[in-house]
Amino acid sequence: MGVVDDLMVFYHPSSRKHLGIGMVVFHTSSDAAKFITQFNGKPVMGSIIKCCLDPYFAYLSRRYEEQTGAECPTPIHLKGLDERFLLLKRNEITMANTG
């Protein structure tokens, strides 16, 4: 499928229960697109999964925060970015998807 640079499964910070949210970061966007094509809408462990390109973690961080009420941990591949830049990109993506 491609080289995976990072993988993260999210748990509730208090209860430690699985949130049904995971992240896979591929080395190339074409590998990510192939993964999405192959797995989006498919059942995994009894649940239909939704796969999307989310390069600045806008969708996943929003889902995490809605489910936990806590700030989502920043994935390793985004830690080097300036927080203001990251917030700007997340807001741009959110506005593009709602506007």
Protein backbone atom coordinates (compact mmCIF):
# COMPACT_ATOMS: atom_id res chain seq x y z
CA MET A 1 0.00 0.00 0.00
CA GLY A 2 2.88 2.40 0.70
CA VAL A 3 5.36 3.55 3.30
CA VAL A 4 3.72 4.60 6.57
CA ASP A 5 5.44 7.50 8.35
CA ASP A 6 3.14 7.67 11.38
CA LEU A 7 0.21 5.78 12.84
CA MET A 8 -1.94 6.78 15.78
CA VAL A 9 -5.05 5.32 17.45
CA PHE A 10 -6.95 7.71 19.69
CA TYR A 11 -8.31 6.97 23.15
CA HIS A 12 -10.35 9.09 25.53
CA PRO A 13 -7.91 10.88 27.85
CA SER A 14 -9.87 9.96 31.01
CA SER A 15 -11.57 6.64 30.35
CA ARG A 16 -8.89 5.31 27.96
CA LYS A 17 -11.69 3.88 25.78
CA HIS A 18 -11.07 3.70 22.04
CA LEU A 19 -12.73 6.65 20.25
CA GLY A 20 -13.04 4.98 16.87
CA ILE A 21 -10.56 7.46 15.44
CA GLY A 22 -7.24 6.59 13.91
CA MET A 23 -4.66 8.28 11.73
CA VAL A 24 -2.25 6.88 9.16
CA VAL A 25 0.33 9.19 7.61
CA PHE A 26 1.78 7.90 4.36
CA HIS A 27 5.11 8.96 2.91
CA THR A 28 3.41 10.22 -0.27
CA SER A 29 0.01 11.70 -0.98
CA SER A 30 -0.46 9.21 -3.82
CA ASP A 31 -0.09 6.33 -1.34
CA ALA A 32 -2.67 8.03 0.90
CA ALA A 33 -5.04 8.42 -2.05
CA LYS A 34 -4.68 4.70 -2.89
CA PHE A 35 -5.47 3.78 0.72
CA ILE A 36 -8.56 6.00 0.71
CA THR A 37 -9.78 4.48 -2.56
CA GLN A 38 -9.33 0.97 -1.23
CA PHE A 39 -10.67 1.36 2.32
CA ASN A 40 -13.10 4.29 2.53
CA GLY A 41 -16.59 3.05 3.36
CA LYS A 42 -15.40 -0.48 4.10
CA PRO A 43 -16.14 -2.40 7.30
CA VAL A 44 -13.31 -2.81 9.81
CA MET A 45 -14.01 -4.68 13.05
CA GLY A 46 -17.76 -4.20 12.59
CA SER A 47 -17.71 -0.48 11.79
CA ILE A 48 -17.72 1.31 8.46
CA ILE A 49 -14.62 3.48 8.26
CA LYS A 50 -14.31 6.94 6.77
CA CYS A 51 -10.97 7.74 5.19
CA CYS A 52 -9.98 11.23 4.11
CA LEU A 53 -7.00 13.37 3.25
CA ASP A 54 -6.48 15.58 6.28
CA PRO A 55 -2.94 16.96 5.95
CA TYR A 56 -3.25 19.50 8.76
CA PHE A 57 -5.35 17.28 11.03
CA ALA A 58 -8.39 19.61 10.82
CA TYR A 59 -11.12 16.96 10.64
CA LEU A 60 -9.58 14.49 13.07
CA SER A 61 -8.71 17.07 15.72
CA ARG A 62 -12.27 18.44 15.56
CA ARG A 63 -13.73 14.93 15.98
CA TYR A 64 -11.39 14.22 18.91
CA GLU A 65 -12.30 17.47 20.64
CA GLU A 66 -16.05 16.91 20.09
CA GLN A 67 -15.84 13.44 21.63
CA THR A 68 -13.57 14.25 24.56
CA GLY A 69 -13.87 17.96 25.29
CA ALA A 70 -10.07 18.00 25.38
CA GLU A 71 -7.49 19.40 22.99
CA CYS A 72 -6.24 16.82 20.55
CA PRO A 73 -2.57 15.87 20.79
CA THR A 74 -0.56 17.12 17.82
CA PRO A 75 0.76 14.29 15.67
CA ILE A 76 4.53 13.96 15.35
CA HIS A 77 4.58 14.96 11.68
CA LEU A 78 2.99 18.34 12.52
CA LYS A 79 4.93 19.23 15.68
CA GLY A 80 7.54 21.21 13.75
CA LEU A 81 4.95 23.61 12.33
CA ASP A 82 4.24 26.97 13.88
CA GLU A 83 0.99 26.78 15.89
CA ARG A 84 -0.44 29.88 14.16
CA PHE A 85 0.26 28.38 10.72
CA LEU A 86 -1.34 25.09 11.73
CA LEU A 87 -4.44 26.86 13.08
CA LEU A 88 -4.70 28.96 9.90
CA LYS A 89 -4.53 25.86 7.69
CA ARG A 90 -7.10 24.03 9.82
CA ASN A 91 -9.46 26.99 9.61
CA GLU A 92 -9.01 27.23 5.83
CA ILE A 93 -9.89 23.56 5.44
CA THR A 94 -12.88 23.83 7.76
CA MET A 95 -14.20 26.88 5.90
CA ALA A 96 -13.71 25.21 2.52
CA ASN A 97 -15.66 22.16 3.68
CA THR A 98 -18.54 24.14 5.18
CA GLY A 99 -18.72 27.14 2.88
